[in-house]
Structures are given as C-alpha cells and as structure tokens.
Amino acid sequence: MILNKKHLGKVVQLKNSRLNTKIDCIITEIKVNEVSVVYYEKEIEELIYKTLTEEDLIFNDYELKLLS
C-alpha cells in the first residue's frame, strides 16, 4: 500500500504477521520511510502510538489494510 498525506486520519487495520494479531488504528503521521498510527489498548486502558518503518512493511512484519 502506498500512503500519502491524503491518508492522514484514515482508519487502517494493522496486522502483526508474527503474532497473528489485528488492530484497528488511525494514521497520525506519514514521513518518507515511516508511518505513525495510534490505537486504544483495552487491557491497559491507554492510547498506544506506534511507528512503522518501510522495512516493517517490506519484510511483511506488519500489513496495513485501509478501512476508511
């Protein structure tokens, strides 16, 4: 998936390929080689901020699927 500034604020599903988990997130920042997302973690009742690098996506550690 190629992301650009028009995807800011959009909802994506973040799939962790190693742990086989899926989380719905909001894209908060897009840089040349990074994408930052935020999601709510129910177990600890906190917002979690995560930055994914280009390598994370290229080597299939994570997958992003646009939901909105």
N, C-alpha and C. Protein backbone atom coordinates (compact mmCIF):
# COMPACT_ATOMS: atom_id res chain seq x y z
N MET A 1 0.85 -1.17 0.00
CA MET A 1 0.00 0.00 0.00
C MET A 1 0.90 1.24 0.00
N ILE A 2 0.65 2.13 -0.93
CA ILE A 2 1.39 3.38 -0.99
C ILE A 2 0.57 4.43 -0.25
N LEU A 3 1.17 5.05 0.77
CA LEU A 3 0.48 6.04 1.57
C LEU A 3 0.98 7.43 1.24
N ASN A 4 0.07 8.40 1.31
CA ASN A 4 0.46 9.79 1.16
C ASN A 4 -0.37 10.63 2.13
N LYS A 5 -0.21 11.94 2.07
CA LYS A 5 -0.84 12.84 3.04
C LYS A 5 -2.37 12.73 3.06
N LYS A 6 -2.99 12.30 1.97
CA LYS A 6 -4.46 12.18 1.97
C LYS A 6 -4.94 11.05 2.88
N HIS A 7 -4.04 10.16 3.32
CA HIS A 7 -4.41 9.06 4.20
C HIS A 7 -4.37 9.45 5.69
N LEU A 8 -3.89 10.66 6.01
CA LEU A 8 -3.87 11.09 7.41
C LEU A 8 -5.28 11.09 7.99
N GLY A 9 -5.42 10.54 9.18
CA GLY A 9 -6.72 10.47 9.84
C GLY A 9 -7.58 9.29 9.40
N LYS A 10 -7.11 8.52 8.46
CA LYS A 10 -7.87 7.37 7.98
C LYS A 10 -7.68 6.17 8.91
N VAL A 11 -8.67 5.29 8.91
CA VAL A 11 -8.63 4.09 9.74
C VAL A 11 -8.02 2.95 8.92
N VAL A 12 -7.06 2.27 9.52
CA VAL A 12 -6.43 1.12 8.89
C VAL A 12 -6.44 -0.05 9.85
N GLN A 13 -6.36 -1.23 9.29
CA GLN A 13 -6.20 -2.42 10.12
C GLN A 13 -4.72 -2.79 10.07
N LEU A 14 -4.10 -2.86 11.24
CA LEU A 14 -2.69 -3.22 11.36
C LEU A 14 -2.61 -4.68 11.75
N LYS A 15 -2.01 -5.48 10.88
CA LYS A 15 -1.86 -6.91 11.14
C LYS A 15 -0.40 -7.19 11.46
N ASN A 16 -0.17 -7.78 12.63
CA ASN A 16 1.17 -8.21 13.02
C ASN A 16 1.32 -9.64 12.54
N SER A 17 2.15 -9.84 11.53
CA SER A 17 2.28 -11.15 10.91
C SER A 17 2.90 -12.19 11.84
N ARG A 18 3.81 -11.77 12.69
CA ARG A 18 4.48 -12.71 13.58
C ARG A 18 3.57 -13.21 14.70
N LEU A 19 2.77 -12.29 15.26
CA LEU A 19 1.88 -12.66 16.36
C LEU A 19 0.47 -13.00 15.90
N ASN A 20 0.21 -12.78 14.61
CA ASN A 20 -1.11 -13.04 14.03
C ASN A 20 -2.21 -12.29 14.77
N THR A 21 -1.99 -10.99 14.99
CA THR A 21 -2.98 -10.13 15.63
C THR A 21 -3.39 -9.02 14.67
N LYS A 22 -4.61 -8.51 14.86
CA LYS A 22 -5.11 -7.41 14.05
C LYS A 22 -5.65 -6.33 14.96
N ILE A 23 -5.31 -5.07 14.65
CA ILE A 23 -5.74 -3.92 15.45
C ILE A 23 -6.20 -2.82 14.50
N ASP A 24 -7.32 -2.19 14.80
CA ASP A 24 -7.77 -1.04 14.02
C ASP A 24 -7.08 0.21 14.57
N CYS A 25 -6.48 0.99 13.68
CA CYS A 25 -5.67 2.15 14.06
C CYS A 25 -6.06 3.36 13.22
N ILE A 26 -5.58 4.52 13.65
CA ILE A 26 -5.73 5.75 12.88
C ILE A 26 -4.34 6.23 12.49
N ILE A 27 -4.17 6.57 11.22
CA ILE A 27 -2.88 7.10 10.76
C ILE A 27 -2.73 8.53 11.25
N THR A 28 -1.65 8.81 11.98
CA THR A 28 -1.44 10.14 12.54
C THR A 28 -0.32 10.92 11.87
N GLU A 29 0.62 10.21 11.24
CA GLU A 29 1.74 10.90 10.60
C GLU A 29 2.32 10.01 9.50
N ILE A 30 2.70 10.65 8.41
CA ILE A 30 3.33 9.93 7.30
C ILE A 30 4.60 10.68 6.93
N LYS A 31 5.71 9.98 7.00
CA LYS A 31 7.00 10.54 6.59
C LYS A 31 7.53 9.70 5.43
N VAL A 32 8.71 10.04 4.93
CA VAL A 32 9.26 9.35 3.77
C VAL A 32 9.38 7.86 3.99
N ASN A 33 9.92 7.42 5.12
CA ASN A 33 10.13 5.99 5.37
C ASN A 33 9.40 5.49 6.60
N GLU A 34 8.43 6.25 7.11
CA GLU A 34 7.73 5.87 8.34
C GLU A 34 6.24 6.22 8.26
N VAL A 35 5.45 5.42 8.96
CA VAL A 35 4.03 5.69 9.15
C VAL A 35 3.75 5.56 10.64
N SER A 36 3.12 6.57 11.24
CA SER A 36 2.76 6.51 12.65
C SER A 36 1.26 6.31 12.78
N VAL A 37 0.89 5.43 13.71
CA VAL A 37 -0.52 5.13 13.96
C VAL A 37 -0.79 5.20 15.45
N VAL A 38 -2.06 5.33 15.80
CA VAL A 38 -2.48 5.32 17.20
C VAL A 38 -3.68 4.39 17.33
N TYR A 39 -3.73 3.68 18.47
CA TYR A 39 -4.87 2.81 18.75
C TYR A 39 -5.07 2.73 20.26
N TYR A 40 -6.26 2.32 20.67
CA TYR A 40 -6.60 2.20 22.08
C TYR A 40 -6.41 0.76 22.53
N GLU A 41 -5.61 0.58 23.56
CA GLU A 41 -5.36 -0.75 24.13
C GLU A 41 -6.29 -0.94 25.33
N LYS A 42 -7.30 -1.80 25.18
CA LYS A 42 -8.31 -2.00 26.21
C LYS A 42 -7.72 -2.56 27.51
N GLU A 43 -6.77 -3.48 27.39
CA GLU A 43 -6.24 -4.14 28.59
C GLU A 43 -5.56 -3.18 29.55
N ILE A 44 -4.87 -2.18 29.01
CA ILE A 44 -4.18 -1.22 29.89
C ILE A 44 -4.84 0.15 29.89
N GLU A 45 -5.95 0.26 29.13
CA GLU A 45 -6.74 1.49 29.04
C GLU A 45 -5.89 2.71 28.69
N GLU A 46 -5.11 2.58 27.62
CA GLU A 46 -4.26 3.68 27.16
C GLU A 46 -4.22 3.74 25.64
N LEU A 47 -3.93 4.94 25.13
CA LEU A 47 -3.66 5.10 23.72
C LEU A 47 -2.23 4.68 23.46
N ILE A 48 -2.02 3.91 22.43
CA ILE A 48 -0.69 3.42 22.07
C ILE A 48 -0.31 4.05 20.73
N TYR A 49 0.87 4.63 20.70
CA TYR A 49 1.41 5.22 19.47
C TYR A 49 2.48 4.28 18.94
N LYS A 50 2.41 3.95 17.66
CA LYS A 50 3.36 3.02 17.05
C LYS A 50 3.85 3.61 15.74
N THR A 51 5.15 3.51 15.52
CA THR A 51 5.75 3.96 14.27
C THR A 51 6.23 2.74 13.50
N LEU A 52 5.77 2.62 12.27
CA LEU A 52 6.17 1.52 11.40
C LEU A 52 7.16 2.06 10.38
N THR A 53 8.23 1.33 10.18
CA THR A 53 9.21 1.73 9.18
C THR A 53 8.90 1.08 7.84
N GLU A 54 9.51 1.58 6.82
CA GLU A 54 9.35 0.99 5.49
C GLU A 54 9.76 -0.48 5.50
N GLU A 55 10.81 -0.80 6.27
CA GLU A 55 11.29 -2.18 6.36
C GLU A 55 10.25 -3.10 7.02
N ASP A 56 9.54 -2.59 8.03
CA ASP A 56 8.48 -3.38 8.67
C ASP A 56 7.46 -3.86 7.65
N LEU A 57 7.12 -2.97 6.72
CA LEU A 57 6.11 -3.30 5.72
C LEU A 57 6.69 -4.13 4.58
N ILE A 58 7.91 -3.82 4.17
CA ILE A 58 8.54 -4.55 3.05
C ILE A 58 8.78 -6.01 3.42
N PHE A 59 9.27 -6.24 4.66
CA PHE A 59 9.60 -7.60 5.08
C PHE A 59 8.42 -8.32 5.71
N ASN A 60 7.22 -7.75 5.55
CA ASN A 60 5.97 -8.37 6.00
C ASN A 60 5.89 -8.62 7.50
N ASP A 61 6.60 -7.81 8.31
CA ASP A 61 6.40 -7.90 9.76
C ASP A 61 5.01 -7.39 10.10
N TYR A 62 4.56 -6.37 9.36
CA TYR A 62 3.24 -5.78 9.54
C TYR A 62 2.60 -5.58 8.18
N GLU A 63 1.27 -5.60 8.17
CA GLU A 63 0.50 -5.31 6.96
C GLU A 63 -0.54 -4.25 7.32
N LEU A 64 -0.77 -3.32 6.41
CA LEU A 64 -1.80 -2.29 6.60
C LEU A 64 -2.90 -2.49 5.58
N LYS A 65 -4.14 -2.42 6.05
CA LYS A 65 -5.29 -2.53 5.16
C LYS A 65 -6.18 -1.31 5.43
N LEU A 66 -6.44 -0.52 4.41
CA LEU A 66 -7.24 0.67 4.55
C LEU A 66 -8.71 0.30 4.80
N LEU A 67 -9.28 0.84 5.88
CA LEU A 67 -10.68 0.55 6.22
C LEU A 67 -11.60 1.71 5.91
N SER A 68 -11.07 2.93 5.88
CA SER A 68 -11.93 4.09 5.58
C SER A 68 -11.32 4.96 4.52
